All heavy atoms as atom14 arrays in JSON, in Angstrom:
{
  "sequence": "RKNGPQKKAARLLVWSHILDDVALMETIEGAGANVVI",
  "atom14_mask": [
    [1, 1, 1, 1, 1, 1, 1, 1, 1, 1, 1, 0, 0, 0],
    [1, 1, 1, 1, 1, 1, 1, 1, 1, 0, 0, 0, 0, 0],
    [1, 1, 1, 1, 1, 1, 1, 1, 0, 0, 0, 0, 0, 0],
    [1, 1, 1, 1, 0, 0, 0, 0, 0, 0, 0, 0, 0, 0],
    [1, 1, 1, 1, 1, 1, 1, 0, 0, 0, 0, 0, 0, 0],
    [1, 1, 1, 1, 1, 1, 1, 1, 1, 0, 0, 0, 0, 0],
    [1, 1, 1, 1, 1, 1, 1, 1, 1, 0, 0, 0, 0, 0],
    [1, 1, 1, 1, 1, 1, 1, 1, 1, 0, 0, 0, 0, 0],
    [1, 1, 1, 1, 1, 0, 0, 0, 0, 0, 0, 0, 0, 0],
    [1, 1, 1, 1, 1, 0, 0, 0, 0, 0, 0, 0, 0, 0],
    [1, 1, 1, 1, 1, 1, 1, 1, 1, 1, 1, 0, 0, 0],
    [1, 1, 1, 1, 1, 1, 1, 1, 0, 0, 0, 0, 0, 0],
    [1, 1, 1, 1, 1, 1, 1, 1, 0, 0, 0, 0, 0, 0],
    [1, 1, 1, 1, 1, 1, 1, 0, 0, 0, 0, 0, 0, 0],
    [1, 1, 1, 1, 1, 1, 1, 1, 1, 1, 1, 1, 1, 1],
    [1, 1, 1, 1, 1, 1, 0, 0, 0, 0, 0, 0, 0, 0],
    [1, 1, 1, 1, 1, 1, 1, 1, 1, 1, 0, 0, 0, 0],
    [1, 1, 1, 1, 1, 1, 1, 1, 0, 0, 0, 0, 0, 0],
    [1, 1, 1, 1, 1, 1, 1, 1, 0, 0, 0, 0, 0, 0],
    [1, 1, 1, 1, 1, 1, 1, 1, 0, 0, 0, 0, 0, 0],
    [1, 1, 1, 1, 1, 1, 1, 1, 0, 0, 0, 0, 0, 0],
    [1, 1, 1, 1, 1, 1, 1, 0, 0, 0, 0, 0, 0, 0],
    [1, 1, 1, 1, 1, 0, 0, 0, 0, 0, 0, 0, 0, 0],
    [1, 1, 1, 1, 1, 1, 1, 1, 0, 0, 0, 0, 0, 0],
    [1, 1, 1, 1, 1, 1, 1, 1, 0, 0, 0, 0, 0, 0],
    [1, 1, 1, 1, 1, 1, 1, 1, 1, 0, 0, 0, 0, 0],
    [1, 1, 1, 1, 1, 1, 1, 0, 0, 0, 0, 0, 0, 0],
    [1, 1, 1, 1, 1, 1, 1, 1, 0, 0, 0, 0, 0, 0],
    [1, 1, 1, 1, 1, 1, 1, 1, 1, 0, 0, 0, 0, 0],
    [1, 1, 1, 1, 0, 0, 0, 0, 0, 0, 0, 0, 0, 0],
    [1, 1, 1, 1, 1, 0, 0, 0, 0, 0, 0, 0, 0, 0],
    [1, 1, 1, 1, 0, 0, 0, 0, 0, 0, 0, 0, 0, 0],
    [1, 1, 1, 1, 1, 0, 0, 0, 0, 0, 0, 0, 0, 0],
    [1, 1, 1, 1, 1, 1, 1, 1, 0, 0, 0, 0, 0, 0],
    [1, 1, 1, 1, 1, 1, 1, 0, 0, 0, 0, 0, 0, 0],
    [1, 1, 1, 1, 1, 1, 1, 0, 0, 0, 0, 0, 0, 0],
    [1, 1, 1, 1, 1, 1, 1, 1, 0, 0, 0, 0, 0, 0]
  ],
  "atom14_positions": [
    [[71.75, 29.33, 161.87], [72.22, 30.59, 161.28], [71.53, 30.87, 159.95], [71.09, 29.96, 159.24], [73.74, 30.55, 161.1], [74.19, 29.66, 159.95], [75.69, 29.4, 159.95], [76.48, 30.6, 159.97], [77.75, 30.67, 159.52], [78.31, 29.58, 159.01], [78.42, 31.78, 159.57], [0.0, 0.0, 0.0], [0.0, 0.0, 0.0], [0.0, 0.0, 0.0]],
    [[71.47, 32.14, 159.64], [70.85, 32.58, 158.38], [71.85, 33.28, 157.46], [71.47, 33.76, 156.4], [69.68, 33.51, 158.69], [68.57, 32.87, 159.49], [67.45, 33.85, 159.78], [66.27, 33.18, 160.49], [66.65, 32.59, 161.79], [0.0, 0.0, 0.0], [0.0, 0.0, 0.0], [0.0, 0.0, 0.0], [0.0, 0.0, 0.0], [0.0, 0.0, 0.0]],
    [[73.1, 33.34, 157.9], [74.12, 34.04, 157.1], [75.29, 33.12, 156.78], [76.44, 33.53, 156.8], [74.62, 35.27, 157.87], [75.29, 34.9, 159.19], [75.06, 33.81, 159.71], [76.12, 35.78, 159.72], [0.0, 0.0, 0.0], [0.0, 0.0, 0.0], [0.0, 0.0, 0.0], [0.0, 0.0, 0.0], [0.0, 0.0, 0.0], [0.0, 0.0, 0.0]],
    [[74.99, 31.87, 156.46], [76.05, 30.9, 156.19], [76.61, 31.04, 154.78], [76.29, 31.99, 154.05], [0.0, 0.0, 0.0], [0.0, 0.0, 0.0], [0.0, 0.0, 0.0], [0.0, 0.0, 0.0], [0.0, 0.0, 0.0], [0.0, 0.0, 0.0], [0.0, 0.0, 0.0], [0.0, 0.0, 0.0], [0.0, 0.0, 0.0], [0.0, 0.0, 0.0]],
    [[77.44, 30.11, 154.38], [78.05, 30.15, 153.04], [77.0, 30.14, 151.93], [75.91, 29.58, 152.09], [78.9, 28.87, 153.01], [79.14, 28.53, 154.44], [77.91, 28.96, 155.17], [0.0, 0.0, 0.0], [0.0, 0.0, 0.0], [0.0, 0.0, 0.0], [0.0, 0.0, 0.0], [0.0, 0.0, 0.0], [0.0, 0.0, 0.0], [0.0, 0.0, 0.0]],
    [[77.36, 30.74, 150.81], [76.5, 30.74, 149.63], [76.74, 29.48, 148.81], [77.81, 28.87, 148.85], [76.78, 31.98, 148.78], [76.53, 33.29, 149.5], [75.1, 33.43, 149.98], [74.16, 33.33, 149.19], [74.92, 33.65, 151.27], [0.0, 0.0, 0.0], [0.0, 0.0, 0.0], [0.0, 0.0, 0.0], [0.0, 0.0, 0.0], [0.0, 0.0, 0.0]],
    [[75.75, 29.09, 148.07], [75.86, 27.91, 147.21], [76.83, 28.19, 146.07], [76.75, 29.23, 145.41], [74.49, 27.53, 146.65], [74.5, 26.25, 145.84], [73.09, 25.82, 145.49], [73.08, 24.51, 144.72], [71.72, 24.02, 144.43], [0.0, 0.0, 0.0], [0.0, 0.0, 0.0], [0.0, 0.0, 0.0], [0.0, 0.0, 0.0], [0.0, 0.0, 0.0]],
    [[77.75, 27.26, 145.83], [78.71, 27.37, 144.74], [78.78, 26.05, 143.99], [78.52, 24.99, 144.55], [80.1, 27.75, 145.27], [80.13, 29.1, 145.98], [81.49, 29.39, 146.58], [81.49, 30.72, 147.33], [82.8, 30.98, 147.98], [0.0, 0.0, 0.0], [0.0, 0.0, 0.0], [0.0, 0.0, 0.0], [0.0, 0.0, 0.0], [0.0, 0.0, 0.0]],
    [[79.14, 26.13, 142.71], [79.13, 24.93, 141.88], [80.17, 23.92, 142.33], [79.96, 22.71, 142.27], [79.36, 25.32, 140.41], [0.0, 0.0, 0.0], [0.0, 0.0, 0.0], [0.0, 0.0, 0.0], [0.0, 0.0, 0.0], [0.0, 0.0, 0.0], [0.0, 0.0, 0.0], [0.0, 0.0, 0.0], [0.0, 0.0, 0.0], [0.0, 0.0, 0.0]],
    [[81.32, 24.41, 142.79], [82.42, 23.52, 143.18], [82.3, 23.14, 144.65], [82.22, 24.0, 145.52], [83.76, 24.19, 142.92], [0.0, 0.0, 0.0], [0.0, 0.0, 0.0], [0.0, 0.0, 0.0], [0.0, 0.0, 0.0], [0.0, 0.0, 0.0], [0.0, 0.0, 0.0], [0.0, 0.0, 0.0], [0.0, 0.0, 0.0], [0.0, 0.0, 0.0]],
    [[82.26, 21.85, 144.9], [82.27, 21.31, 146.27], [83.54, 20.47, 146.41], [83.63, 19.37, 145.86], [81.02, 20.46, 146.52], [79.72, 21.25, 146.51], [78.5, 20.35, 146.66], [78.57, 19.54, 147.88], [78.16, 19.95, 149.08], [77.67, 21.18, 149.24], [78.24, 19.14, 150.13], [0.0, 0.0, 0.0], [0.0, 0.0, 0.0], [0.0, 0.0, 0.0]],
    [[84.52, 21.03, 147.12], [85.87, 20.47, 147.1], [86.2, 19.66, 148.35], [85.73, 19.94, 149.46], [86.9, 21.6, 146.96], [86.83, 22.46, 145.71], [87.97, 23.47, 145.72], [86.86, 21.62, 144.44], [0.0, 0.0, 0.0], [0.0, 0.0, 0.0], [0.0, 0.0, 0.0], [0.0, 0.0, 0.0], [0.0, 0.0, 0.0], [0.0, 0.0, 0.0]],
    [[87.07, 18.67, 148.13], [87.79, 17.98, 149.19], [89.22, 18.5, 149.16], [89.85, 18.53, 148.09], [87.75, 16.47, 148.96], [88.45, 15.54, 149.96], [87.86, 14.14, 149.86], [89.97, 15.46, 149.77], [0.0, 0.0, 0.0], [0.0, 0.0, 0.0], [0.0, 0.0, 0.0], [0.0, 0.0, 0.0], [0.0, 0.0, 0.0], [0.0, 0.0, 0.0]],
    [[89.74, 18.91, 150.3], [91.14, 19.33, 150.39], [91.92, 18.28, 151.16], [91.59, 17.96, 152.3], [91.27, 20.71, 151.08], [92.74, 21.01, 151.37], [90.68, 21.8, 150.22], [0.0, 0.0, 0.0], [0.0, 0.0, 0.0], [0.0, 0.0, 0.0], [0.0, 0.0, 0.0], [0.0, 0.0, 0.0], [0.0, 0.0, 0.0], [0.0, 0.0, 0.0]],
    [[92.95, 17.74, 150.5], [93.86, 16.76, 151.12], [95.17, 17.47, 151.38], [95.76, 18.08, 150.48], [94.06, 15.59, 150.17], [95.02, 14.54, 150.65], [94.76, 13.49, 151.48], [96.4, 14.41, 150.28], [95.89, 12.73, 151.67], [96.91, 13.27, 150.95], [97.27, 15.15, 149.46], [98.23, 12.85, 150.81], [98.59, 14.74, 149.33], [99.04, 13.6, 150.0]],
    [[95.61, 17.45, 152.64], [96.8, 18.21, 152.99], [97.45, 17.63, 154.23], [97.01, 16.61, 154.78], [96.43, 19.69, 153.21], [97.57, 20.49, 153.42], [0.0, 0.0, 0.0], [0.0, 0.0, 0.0], [0.0, 0.0, 0.0], [0.0, 0.0, 0.0], [0.0, 0.0, 0.0], [0.0, 0.0, 0.0], [0.0, 0.0, 0.0], [0.0, 0.0, 0.0]],
    [[98.51, 18.27, 154.69], [99.19, 17.9, 155.93], [98.75, 18.87, 157.02], [97.63, 18.82, 157.48], [100.71, 17.9, 155.72], [101.21, 19.03, 154.86], [100.77, 20.34, 155.0], [102.09, 19.04, 153.83], [101.38, 21.1, 154.11], [102.18, 20.35, 153.37], [0.0, 0.0, 0.0], [0.0, 0.0, 0.0], [0.0, 0.0, 0.0], [0.0, 0.0, 0.0]],
    [[99.67, 19.76, 157.46], [99.34, 20.72, 158.51], [98.8, 21.98, 157.84], [99.55, 22.91, 157.5], [100.57, 21.06, 159.38], [101.17, 19.79, 159.97], [100.18, 22.02, 160.5], [102.47, 20.01, 160.73], [0.0, 0.0, 0.0], [0.0, 0.0, 0.0], [0.0, 0.0, 0.0], [0.0, 0.0, 0.0], [0.0, 0.0, 0.0], [0.0, 0.0, 0.0]],
    [[97.52, 22.03, 157.62], [96.88, 23.21, 157.06], [96.44, 24.08, 158.24], [95.36, 23.9, 158.8], [95.68, 22.81, 156.19], [94.92, 23.92, 155.48], [95.85, 24.71, 154.58], [93.77, 23.35, 154.67], [0.0, 0.0, 0.0], [0.0, 0.0, 0.0], [0.0, 0.0, 0.0], [0.0, 0.0, 0.0], [0.0, 0.0, 0.0], [0.0, 0.0, 0.0]],
    [[97.3, 25.01, 158.65], [97.12, 25.66, 159.94], [96.79, 27.14, 159.88], [96.71, 27.8, 160.93], [98.38, 25.46, 160.81], [99.6, 26.15, 160.21], [99.54, 26.59, 159.05], [100.64, 26.22, 160.91], [0.0, 0.0, 0.0], [0.0, 0.0, 0.0], [0.0, 0.0, 0.0], [0.0, 0.0, 0.0], [0.0, 0.0, 0.0], [0.0, 0.0, 0.0]],
    [[96.59, 27.69, 158.68], [96.29, 29.11, 158.57], [95.05, 29.3, 157.71], [94.97, 28.79, 156.6], [97.48, 29.86, 157.95], [97.39, 31.37, 158.14], [96.43, 31.97, 157.61], [98.26, 31.94, 158.82], [0.0, 0.0, 0.0], [0.0, 0.0, 0.0], [0.0, 0.0, 0.0], [0.0, 0.0, 0.0], [0.0, 0.0, 0.0], [0.0, 0.0, 0.0]],
    [[94.08, 30.05, 158.23], [92.82, 30.21, 157.5], [93.02, 30.91, 156.17], [92.18, 30.76, 155.26], [91.77, 30.96, 158.34], [91.41, 30.18, 159.6], [92.24, 32.36, 158.71], [0.0, 0.0, 0.0], [0.0, 0.0, 0.0], [0.0, 0.0, 0.0], [0.0, 0.0, 0.0], [0.0, 0.0, 0.0], [0.0, 0.0, 0.0], [0.0, 0.0, 0.0]],
    [[94.11, 31.66, 156.0], [94.34, 32.35, 154.73], [94.44, 31.35, 153.59], [94.03, 31.64, 152.46], [95.59, 33.21, 154.82], [0.0, 0.0, 0.0], [0.0, 0.0, 0.0], [0.0, 0.0, 0.0], [0.0, 0.0, 0.0], [0.0, 0.0, 0.0], [0.0, 0.0, 0.0], [0.0, 0.0, 0.0], [0.0, 0.0, 0.0], [0.0, 0.0, 0.0]],
    [[95.0, 30.17, 153.87], [95.11, 29.15, 152.83], [93.74, 28.64, 152.42], [93.45, 28.47, 151.23], [95.99, 28.0, 153.32], [97.45, 28.37, 153.6], [98.13, 27.27, 154.42], [98.21, 28.61, 152.29], [0.0, 0.0, 0.0], [0.0, 0.0, 0.0], [0.0, 0.0, 0.0], [0.0, 0.0, 0.0], [0.0, 0.0, 0.0], [0.0, 0.0, 0.0]],
    [[92.89, 28.39, 153.41], [91.54, 27.92, 153.1], [90.7, 29.04, 152.46], [89.93, 28.79, 151.53], [90.86, 27.42, 154.38], [89.57, 26.68, 154.14], [89.78, 25.05, 153.37], [90.29, 24.08, 154.79], [0.0, 0.0, 0.0], [0.0, 0.0, 0.0], [0.0, 0.0, 0.0], [0.0, 0.0, 0.0], [0.0, 0.0, 0.0], [0.0, 0.0, 0.0]],
    [[90.87, 30.26, 152.96], [90.15, 31.4, 152.38], [90.53, 31.6, 150.92], [89.68, 31.98, 150.1], [90.47, 32.68, 153.17], [89.81, 32.77, 154.53], [90.26, 33.99, 155.3], [91.37, 34.5, 155.03], [89.5, 34.45, 156.18], [0.0, 0.0, 0.0], [0.0, 0.0, 0.0], [0.0, 0.0, 0.0], [0.0, 0.0, 0.0], [0.0, 0.0, 0.0]],
    [[91.77, 31.36, 150.6], [92.23, 31.55, 149.22], [91.51, 30.59, 148.28], [91.08, 30.97, 147.18], [93.75, 31.33, 149.13], [94.41, 32.31, 149.93], [94.24, 31.43, 147.71], [0.0, 0.0, 0.0], [0.0, 0.0, 0.0], [0.0, 0.0, 0.0], [0.0, 0.0, 0.0], [0.0, 0.0, 0.0], [0.0, 0.0, 0.0], [0.0, 0.0, 0.0]],
    [[91.36, 29.35, 148.69], [90.68, 28.36, 147.85], [89.19, 28.65, 147.78], [88.59, 28.65, 146.69], [90.94, 26.95, 148.39], [92.43, 26.61, 148.29], [90.11, 25.9, 147.64], [92.81, 25.3, 148.93], [0.0, 0.0, 0.0], [0.0, 0.0, 0.0], [0.0, 0.0, 0.0], [0.0, 0.0, 0.0], [0.0, 0.0, 0.0], [0.0, 0.0, 0.0]],
    [[88.57, 28.91, 148.92], [87.13, 29.19, 148.91], [86.85, 30.52, 148.21], [85.83, 30.67, 147.52], [86.59, 29.21, 150.34], [86.65, 27.83, 150.99], [85.86, 27.74, 152.28], [86.0, 28.64, 153.13], [85.09, 26.76, 152.44], [0.0, 0.0, 0.0], [0.0, 0.0, 0.0], [0.0, 0.0, 0.0], [0.0, 0.0, 0.0], [0.0, 0.0, 0.0]],
    [[87.76, 31.5, 148.35], [87.58, 32.79, 147.69], [87.71, 32.72, 146.18], [87.26, 33.61, 145.46], [0.0, 0.0, 0.0], [0.0, 0.0, 0.0], [0.0, 0.0, 0.0], [0.0, 0.0, 0.0], [0.0, 0.0, 0.0], [0.0, 0.0, 0.0], [0.0, 0.0, 0.0], [0.0, 0.0, 0.0], [0.0, 0.0, 0.0], [0.0, 0.0, 0.0]],
    [[88.33, 31.63, 145.69], [88.47, 31.46, 144.24], [87.16, 31.0, 143.61], [87.05, 30.95, 142.38], [89.57, 30.45, 143.94], [0.0, 0.0, 0.0], [0.0, 0.0, 0.0], [0.0, 0.0, 0.0], [0.0, 0.0, 0.0], [0.0, 0.0, 0.0], [0.0, 0.0, 0.0], [0.0, 0.0, 0.0], [0.0, 0.0, 0.0], [0.0, 0.0, 0.0]],
    [[86.17, 30.66, 144.45], [84.85, 30.3, 143.93], [84.41, 28.89, 144.25], [83.76, 28.24, 143.42], [0.0, 0.0, 0.0], [0.0, 0.0, 0.0], [0.0, 0.0, 0.0], [0.0, 0.0, 0.0], [0.0, 0.0, 0.0], [0.0, 0.0, 0.0], [0.0, 0.0, 0.0], [0.0, 0.0, 0.0], [0.0, 0.0, 0.0], [0.0, 0.0, 0.0]],
    [[84.74, 28.41, 145.45], [84.4, 27.04, 145.81], [83.95, 26.97, 147.26], [84.26, 27.84, 148.07], [85.59, 26.11, 145.61], [0.0, 0.0, 0.0], [0.0, 0.0, 0.0], [0.0, 0.0, 0.0], [0.0, 0.0, 0.0], [0.0, 0.0, 0.0], [0.0, 0.0, 0.0], [0.0, 0.0, 0.0], [0.0, 0.0, 0.0], [0.0, 0.0, 0.0]],
    [[83.22, 25.92, 147.58], [82.95, 25.55, 148.96], [83.82, 24.33, 149.29], [83.71, 23.3, 148.62], [81.48, 25.19, 149.18], [80.59, 26.41, 149.24], [80.96, 27.44, 149.81], [79.4, 26.33, 148.66], [0.0, 0.0, 0.0], [0.0, 0.0, 0.0], [0.0, 0.0, 0.0], [0.0, 0.0, 0.0], [0.0, 0.0, 0.0], [0.0, 0.0, 0.0]],
    [[84.7, 24.47, 150.28], [85.46, 23.32, 150.75], [84.57, 22.61, 151.77], [84.38, 23.08, 152.88], [86.8, 23.73, 151.39], [87.5, 22.51, 151.96], [87.68, 24.42, 150.35], [0.0, 0.0, 0.0], [0.0, 0.0, 0.0], [0.0, 0.0, 0.0], [0.0, 0.0, 0.0], [0.0, 0.0, 0.0], [0.0, 0.0, 0.0], [0.0, 0.0, 0.0]],
    [[84.0, 21.48, 151.37], [82.98, 20.82, 152.19], [83.55, 19.72, 153.07], [82.89, 19.27, 154.01], [81.84, 20.27, 151.3], [81.08, 21.42, 150.63], [82.37, 19.29, 150.26], [0.0, 0.0, 0.0], [0.0, 0.0, 0.0], [0.0, 0.0, 0.0], [0.0, 0.0, 0.0], [0.0, 0.0, 0.0], [0.0, 0.0, 0.0], [0.0, 0.0, 0.0]],
    [[84.77, 19.27, 152.78], [85.39, 18.21, 153.59], [86.9, 18.31, 153.4], [87.38, 18.77, 152.35], [84.88, 16.79, 153.17], [85.43, 15.7, 154.1], [85.21, 16.51, 151.72], [84.96, 15.77, 155.52], [0.0, 0.0, 0.0], [0.0, 0.0, 0.0], [0.0, 0.0, 0.0], [0.0, 0.0, 0.0], [0.0, 0.0, 0.0], [0.0, 0.0, 0.0]]
  ]
}
């Protein structure tokens, strides 16, 4: 692909239980981070 995520300074690990809605992940990534693992 040529339209993947943009480079961001923050590369985050998210530790959670049942993270089952993309809105939760979008909220963190939309704050200015790449959740990489």
